[in-house]
Amino acid sequence: MATPKRRISHARTHNRKAKFLGALSAPAHTVCAHCGEIIQTYRACGNCGYYRGRQVLKIAAEEEK
């Protein structure tokens, strides 16, 4: 099996990791069409329980009404 001939410097290691970690991004956000709350894309709204125009979650605050 091949082994490295020289030690990899900290600068090279950190430079390589910075390129990889710099490409990562936070999850995309959007606005709920029903209540206007900021939510993650492709997720049901935690505030009102709606996803793509229909209610998919029962929220405790709405059950009390």
PDB file of N, CA and C in Angstrom:
ATOM      1  N   MET A   1       0.837  -1.183   0.000  1.00  0.00           N
ATOM      2  CA  MET A   1       0.000   0.000   0.000  1.00  0.00           C
ATOM      3  C   MET A   1       0.883   1.248   0.000  1.00  0.00           C
ATOM      4  N   ALA A   2       0.466   2.257  -0.726  1.00  0.00           N
ATOM      5  CA  ALA A   2       1.251   3.477  -0.843  1.00  0.00           C
ATOM      6  C   ALA A   2       1.186   4.290   0.442  1.00  0.00           C
ATOM      7  N   THR A   3       2.310   4.891   0.796  1.00  0.00           N
ATOM      8  CA  THR A   3       2.371   5.761   1.974  1.00  0.00           C
ATOM      9  C   THR A   3       2.929   7.109   1.542  1.00  0.00           C
ATOM     10  N   PRO A   4       2.531   8.183   2.218  1.00  0.00           N
ATOM     11  CA  PRO A   4       3.035   9.502   1.840  1.00  0.00           C
ATOM     12  C   PRO A   4       4.530   9.645   2.142  1.00  0.00           C
ATOM     13  N   LYS A   5       5.245  10.313   1.242  1.00  0.00           N
ATOM     14  CA  LYS A   5       6.686  10.509   1.433  1.00  0.00           C
ATOM     15  C   LYS A   5       6.980  11.700   2.334  1.00  0.00           C
ATOM     16  N   ARG A   6       6.083  12.675   2.356  1.00  0.00           N
ATOM     17  CA  ARG A   6       6.297  13.869   3.158  1.00  0.00           C
ATOM     18  C   ARG A   6       5.073  14.134   4.023  1.00  0.00           C
ATOM     19  N   ARG A   7       5.306  14.854   5.095  1.00  0.00           N
ATOM     20  CA  ARG A   7       4.218  15.240   5.998  1.00  0.00           C
ATOM     21  C   ARG A   7       3.423  16.370   5.354  1.00  0.00           C
ATOM     22  N   ILE A   8       2.106  16.316   5.443  1.00  0.00           N
ATOM     23  CA  ILE A   8       1.254  17.375   4.904  1.00  0.00           C
ATOM     24  C   ILE A   8       1.220  18.519   5.910  1.00  0.00           C
ATOM     25  N   SER A   9       1.528  19.726   5.461  1.00  0.00           N
ATOM     26  CA  SER A   9       1.581  20.875   6.359  1.00  0.00           C
ATOM     27  C   SER A   9       0.192  21.272   6.819  1.00  0.00           C
ATOM     28  N   HIS A  10       0.136  22.010   7.913  1.00  0.00           N
ATOM     29  CA  HIS A  10      -1.130  22.510   8.436  1.00  0.00           C
ATOM     30  C   HIS A  10      -1.805  23.434   7.425  1.00  0.00           C
ATOM     31  N   ALA A  11      -1.015  24.243   6.740  1.00  0.00           N
ATOM     32  CA  ALA A  11      -1.577  25.187   5.778  1.00  0.00           C
ATOM     33  C   ALA A  11      -2.302  24.451   4.651  1.00  0.00           C
ATOM     34  N   ARG A  12      -1.691  23.392   4.139  1.00  0.00           N
ATOM     35  CA  ARG A  12      -2.335  22.623   3.066  1.00  0.00           C
ATOM     36  C   ARG A  12      -3.612  21.950   3.569  1.00  0.00           C
ATOM     37  N   THR A  13      -3.563  21.387   4.753  1.00  0.00           N
ATOM     38  CA  THR A  13      -4.731  20.715   5.326  1.00  0.00           C
ATOM     39  C   THR A  13      -5.867  21.712   5.539  1.00  0.00           C
ATOM     40  N   HIS A  14      -5.560  22.847   6.129  1.00  0.00           N
ATOM     41  CA  HIS A  14      -6.583  23.850   6.424  1.00  0.00           C
ATOM     42  C   HIS A  14      -7.134  24.465   5.140  1.00  0.00           C
ATOM     43  N   ASN A  15      -6.268  24.629   4.141  1.00  0.00           N
ATOM     44  CA  ASN A  15      -6.714  25.178   2.861  1.00  0.00           C
ATOM     45  C   ASN A  15      -7.688  24.220   2.187  1.00  0.00           C
ATOM     46  N   ARG A  16      -7.396  22.932   2.220  1.00  0.00           N
ATOM     47  CA  ARG A  16      -8.274  21.924   1.617  1.00  0.00           C
ATOM     48  C   ARG A  16      -9.619  21.875   2.347  1.00  0.00           C
ATOM     49  N   LYS A  17      -9.592  21.896   3.665  1.00  0.00           N
ATOM     50  CA  LYS A  17     -10.830  21.838   4.440  1.00  0.00           C
ATOM     51  C   LYS A  17     -11.651  23.112   4.286  1.00  0.00           C
ATOM     52  N   ALA A  18     -10.993  24.251   4.126  1.00  0.00           N
ATOM     53  CA  ALA A  18     -11.704  25.515   3.967  1.00  0.00           C
ATOM     54  C   ALA A  18     -12.494  25.528   2.660  1.00  0.00           C
ATOM     55  N   LYS A  19     -11.941  24.935   1.623  1.00  0.00           N
ATOM     56  CA  LYS A  19     -12.651  24.876   0.340  1.00  0.00           C
ATOM     57  C   LYS A  19     -13.889  24.000   0.456  1.00  0.00           C
ATOM     58  N   PHE A  20     -13.775  22.884   1.168  1.00  0.00           N
ATOM     59  CA  PHE A  20     -14.910  21.983   1.332  1.00  0.00           C
ATOM     60  C   PHE A  20     -15.978  22.608   2.229  1.00  0.00           C
ATOM     61  N   LEU A  21     -15.561  23.135   3.378  1.00  0.00           N
ATOM     62  CA  LEU A  21     -16.525  23.695   4.322  1.00  0.00           C
ATOM     63  C   LEU A  21     -17.132  25.001   3.817  1.00  0.00           C
ATOM     64  N   GLY A  22     -16.396  25.709   2.965  1.00  0.00           N
ATOM     65  CA  GLY A  22     -16.926  26.943   2.394  1.00  0.00           C
ATOM     66  C   GLY A  22     -18.036  26.679   1.394  1.00  0.00           C
ATOM     67  N   ALA A  23     -18.035  25.497   0.789  1.00  0.00           N
ATOM     68  CA  ALA A  23     -19.061  25.162  -0.200  1.00  0.00           C
ATOM     69  C   ALA A  23     -20.377  24.772   0.467  1.00  0.00           C
ATOM     70  N   LEU A  24     -20.339  24.385   1.749  1.00  0.00           N
ATOM     71  CA  LEU A  24     -21.560  24.007   2.448  1.00  0.00           C
ATOM     72  C   LEU A  24     -22.389  25.252   2.727  1.00  0.00           C
ATOM     73  N   SER A  25     -23.703  25.104   2.684  1.00  0.00           N
ATOM     74  CA  SER A  25     -24.566  26.248   2.947  1.00  0.00           C
ATOM     75  C   SER A  25     -25.705  25.827   3.869  1.00  0.00           C
ATOM     76  N   ALA A  26     -26.324  26.798   4.464  1.00  0.00           N
ATOM     77  CA  ALA A  26     -27.444  26.553   5.366  1.00  0.00           C
ATOM     78  C   ALA A  26     -28.667  26.128   4.560  1.00  0.00           C
ATOM     79  N   PRO A  27     -29.613  25.438   5.190  1.00  0.00           N
ATOM     80  CA  PRO A  27     -30.824  25.045   4.472  1.00  0.00           C
ATOM     81  C   PRO A  27     -31.603  26.263   3.975  1.00  0.00           C
ATOM     82  N   ALA A  28     -32.243  26.097   2.829  1.00  0.00           N
ATOM     83  CA  ALA A  28     -33.010  27.196   2.241  1.00  0.00           C
ATOM     84  C   ALA A  28     -34.282  27.443   3.050  1.00  0.00           C
ATOM     85  N   HIS A  29     -34.692  28.703   3.102  1.00  0.00           N
ATOM     86  CA  HIS A  29     -35.898  29.086   3.824  1.00  0.00           C
ATOM     87  C   HIS A  29     -36.880  29.748   2.870  1.00  0.00           C
ATOM     88  N   THR A  30     -38.143  29.675   3.231  1.00  0.00           N
ATOM     89  CA  THR A  30     -39.197  30.309   2.458  1.00  0.00           C
ATOM     90  C   THR A  30     -40.260  30.820   3.424  1.00  0.00           C
ATOM     91  N   VAL A  31     -41.272  31.441   2.902  1.00  0.00           N
ATOM     92  CA  VAL A  31     -42.353  31.995   3.719  1.00  0.00           C
ATOM     93  C   VAL A  31     -43.582  31.108   3.563  1.00  0.00           C
ATOM     94  N   CYS A  32     -44.216  30.778   4.670  1.00  0.00           N
ATOM     95  CA  CYS A  32     -45.443  29.979   4.648  1.00  0.00           C
ATOM     96  C   CYS A  32     -46.548  30.789   3.964  1.00  0.00           C
ATOM     97  N   ALA A  33     -47.212  30.161   2.994  1.00  0.00           N
ATOM     98  CA  ALA A  33     -48.261  30.848   2.253  1.00  0.00           C
ATOM     99  C   ALA A  33     -49.512  31.061   3.103  1.00  0.00           C
ATOM    100  N   HIS A  34     -49.677  30.279   4.142  1.00  0.00           N
ATOM    101  CA  HIS A  34     -50.893  30.360   4.953  1.00  0.00           C
ATOM    102  C   HIS A  34     -50.773  31.402   6.062  1.00  0.00           C
ATOM    103  N   CYS A  35     -49.651  31.356   6.817  1.00  0.00           N
ATOM    104  CA  CYS A  35     -49.542  32.255   7.971  1.00  0.00           C
ATOM    105  C   CYS A  35     -48.416  33.289   7.862  1.00  0.00           C
ATOM    106  N   GLY A  36     -47.504  33.134   6.893  1.00  0.00           N
ATOM    107  CA  GLY A  36     -46.426  34.103   6.713  1.00  0.00           C
ATOM    108  C   GLY A  36     -45.186  33.833   7.551  1.00  0.00           C
ATOM    109  N   GLU A  37     -45.142  32.718   8.258  1.00  0.00           N
ATOM    110  CA  GLU A  37     -43.990  32.352   9.081  1.00  0.00           C
ATOM    111  C   GLU A  37     -42.844  31.892   8.182  1.00  0.00           C
ATOM    112  N   ILE A  38     -41.593  32.158   8.586  1.00  0.00           N
ATOM    113  CA  ILE A  38     -40.434  31.687   7.839  1.00  0.00           C
ATOM    114  C   ILE A  38     -40.216  30.213   8.189  1.00  0.00           C
ATOM    115  N   ILE A  39     -40.162  29.349   7.153  1.00  0.00           N
ATOM    116  CA  ILE A  39     -40.003  27.913   7.356  1.00  0.00           C
ATOM    117  C   ILE A  39     -38.944  27.368   6.408  1.00  0.00           C
ATOM    118  N   GLN A  40     -38.446  26.160   6.701  1.00  0.00           N
ATOM    119  CA  GLN A  40     -37.541  25.470   5.797  1.00  0.00           C
ATOM    120  C   GLN A  40     -38.323  24.973   4.593  1.00  0.00           C
ATOM    121  N   THR A  41     -37.681  24.951   3.431  1.00  0.00           N
ATOM    122  CA  THR A  41     -38.358  24.477   2.237  1.00  0.00           C
ATOM    123  C   THR A  41     -38.646  22.985   2.354  1.00  0.00           C
ATOM    124  N   TYR A  42     -39.722  22.554   1.748  1.00  0.00           N
ATOM    125  CA  TYR A  42     -40.166  21.153   1.740  1.00  0.00           C
ATOM    126  C   TYR A  42     -40.469  20.622   3.132  1.00  0.00           C
ATOM    127  N   ARG A  43     -40.889  21.495   4.058  1.00  0.00           N
ATOM    128  CA  ARG A  43     -41.262  21.085   5.409  1.00  0.00           C
ATOM    129  C   ARG A  43     -42.616  21.701   5.745  1.00  0.00           C
ATOM    130  N   ALA A  44     -43.374  21.025   6.574  1.00  0.00           N
ATOM    131  CA  ALA A  44     -44.643  21.583   7.039  1.00  0.00           C
ATOM    132  C   ALA A  44     -44.349  22.727   8.004  1.00  0.00           C
ATOM    133  N   CYS A  45     -45.222  23.703   8.013  1.00  0.00           N
ATOM    134  CA  CYS A  45     -45.057  24.862   8.892  1.00  0.00           C
ATOM    135  C   CYS A  45     -45.319  24.441  10.333  1.00  0.00           C
ATOM    136  N   GLY A  46     -44.422  24.754  11.222  1.00  0.00           N
ATOM    137  CA  GLY A  46     -44.599  24.420  12.628  1.00  0.00           C
ATOM    138  C   GLY A  46     -45.576  25.327  13.338  1.00  0.00           C
ATOM    139  N   ASN A  47     -45.860  26.474  12.745  1.00  0.00           N
ATOM    140  CA  ASN A  47     -46.762  27.436  13.359  1.00  0.00           C
ATOM    141  C   ASN A  47     -48.230  27.100  13.080  1.00  0.00           C
ATOM    142  N   CYS A  48     -48.558  26.790  11.817  1.00  0.00           N
ATOM    143  CA  CYS A  48     -49.957  26.540  11.458  1.00  0.00           C
ATOM    144  C   CYS A  48     -50.220  25.099  11.024  1.00  0.00           C
ATOM    145  N   GLY A  49     -49.173  24.339  10.685  1.00  0.00           N
ATOM    146  CA  GLY A  49     -49.341  22.938  10.304  1.00  0.00           C
ATOM    147  C   GLY A  49     -49.688  22.720   8.848  1.00  0.00           C
ATOM    148  N   TYR A  50     -49.584  23.748   8.008  1.00  0.00           N
ATOM    149  CA  TYR A  50     -49.920  23.620   6.601  1.00  0.00           C
ATOM    150  C   TYR A  50     -48.695  23.293   5.764  1.00  0.00           C
ATOM    151  N   TYR A  51     -48.889  22.510   4.699  1.00  0.00           N
ATOM    152  CA  TYR A  51     -47.856  22.214   3.722  1.00  0.00           C
ATOM    153  C   TYR A  51     -48.508  22.177   2.354  1.00  0.00           C
ATOM    154  N   ARG A  52     -48.046  23.011   1.437  1.00  0.00           N
ATOM    155  CA  ARG A  52     -48.557  23.110   0.073  1.00  0.00           C
ATOM    156  C   ARG A  52     -50.067  23.310   0.018  1.00  0.00           C
ATOM    157  N   GLY A  53     -50.587  24.164   0.888  1.00  0.00           N
ATOM    158  CA  GLY A  53     -51.982  24.559   0.831  1.00  0.00           C
ATOM    159  C   GLY A  53     -52.959  23.681   1.590  1.00  0.00           C
ATOM    160  N   ARG A  54     -52.496  22.623   2.236  1.00  0.00           N
ATOM    161  CA  ARG A  54     -53.418  21.797   3.012  1.00  0.00           C
ATOM    162  C   ARG A  54     -52.812  21.508   4.379  1.00  0.00           C
ATOM    163  N   GLN A  55     -53.666  21.301   5.362  1.00  0.00           N
ATOM    164  CA  GLN A  55     -53.201  21.075   6.723  1.00  0.00           C
ATOM    165  C   GLN A  55     -52.780  19.615   6.885  1.00  0.00           C
ATOM    166  N   VAL A  56     -51.527  19.425   7.312  1.00  0.00           N
ATOM    167  CA  VAL A  56     -50.996  18.074   7.493  1.00  0.00           C
ATOM    168  C   VAL A  56     -50.651  17.794   8.948  1.00  0.00           C
ATOM    169  N   LEU A  57     -50.563  18.822   9.776  1.00  0.00           N
ATOM    170  CA  LEU A  57     -50.263  18.670  11.199  1.00  0.00           C
ATOM    171  C   LEU A  57     -51.358  19.325  12.024  1.00  0.00           C
ATOM    172  N   LYS A  58     -51.700  18.691  13.124  1.00  0.00           N
ATOM    173  CA  LYS A  58     -52.640  19.308  14.056  1.00  0.00           C
ATOM    174  C   LYS A  58     -51.825  20.036  15.119  1.00  0.00           C
ATOM    175  N   ILE A  59     -52.067  21.336  15.254  1.00  0.00           N
ATOM    176  CA  ILE A  59     -51.339  22.172  16.187  1.00  0.00           C
ATOM    177  C   ILE A  59     -52.176  22.331  17.458  1.00  0.00           C
ATOM    178  N   ALA A  60     -51.523  22.264  18.629  1.00  0.00           N
ATOM    179  CA  ALA A  60     -52.225  22.327  19.913  1.00  0.00           C
ATOM    180  C   ALA A  60     -52.998  23.640  20.082  1.00  0.00           C
ATOM    181  N   ALA A  61     -52.450  24.752  19.597  1.00  0.00           N
ATOM    182  CA  ALA A  61     -53.122  26.052  19.743  1.00  0.00           C
ATOM    183  C   ALA A  61     -54.422  26.081  18.951  1.00  0.00           C
ATOM    184  N   GLU A  62     -54.483  25.411  17.815  1.00  0.00           N
ATOM    185  CA  GLU A  62     -55.690  25.399  17.012  1.00  0.00           C
ATOM    186  C   GLU A  62     -56.730  24.437  17.589  1.00  0.00           C
ATOM    187  N   GLU A  63     -56.292  23.382  18.274  1.00  0.00           N
ATOM    188  CA  GLU A  63     -57.220  22.422  18.852  1.00  0.00           C
ATOM    189  C   GLU A  63     -58.008  23.037  20.006  1.00  0.00           C
ATOM    190  N   GLU A  64     -57.427  24.001  20.712  1.00  0.00           N
ATOM    191  CA  GLU A  64     -58.100  24.648  21.838  1.00  0.00           C
ATOM    192  C   GLU A  64     -59.222  25.567  21.374  1.00  0.00           C
ATOM    193  N   LYS A  65     -59.129  26.081  20.151  1.00  0.00           N
ATOM    194  CA  LYS A  65     -60.128  27.037  19.653  1.00  0.00           C
ATOM    195  C   LYS A  65     -61.455  26.399  19.367  1.00  0.00           C
TER     196      LYS A  65
END
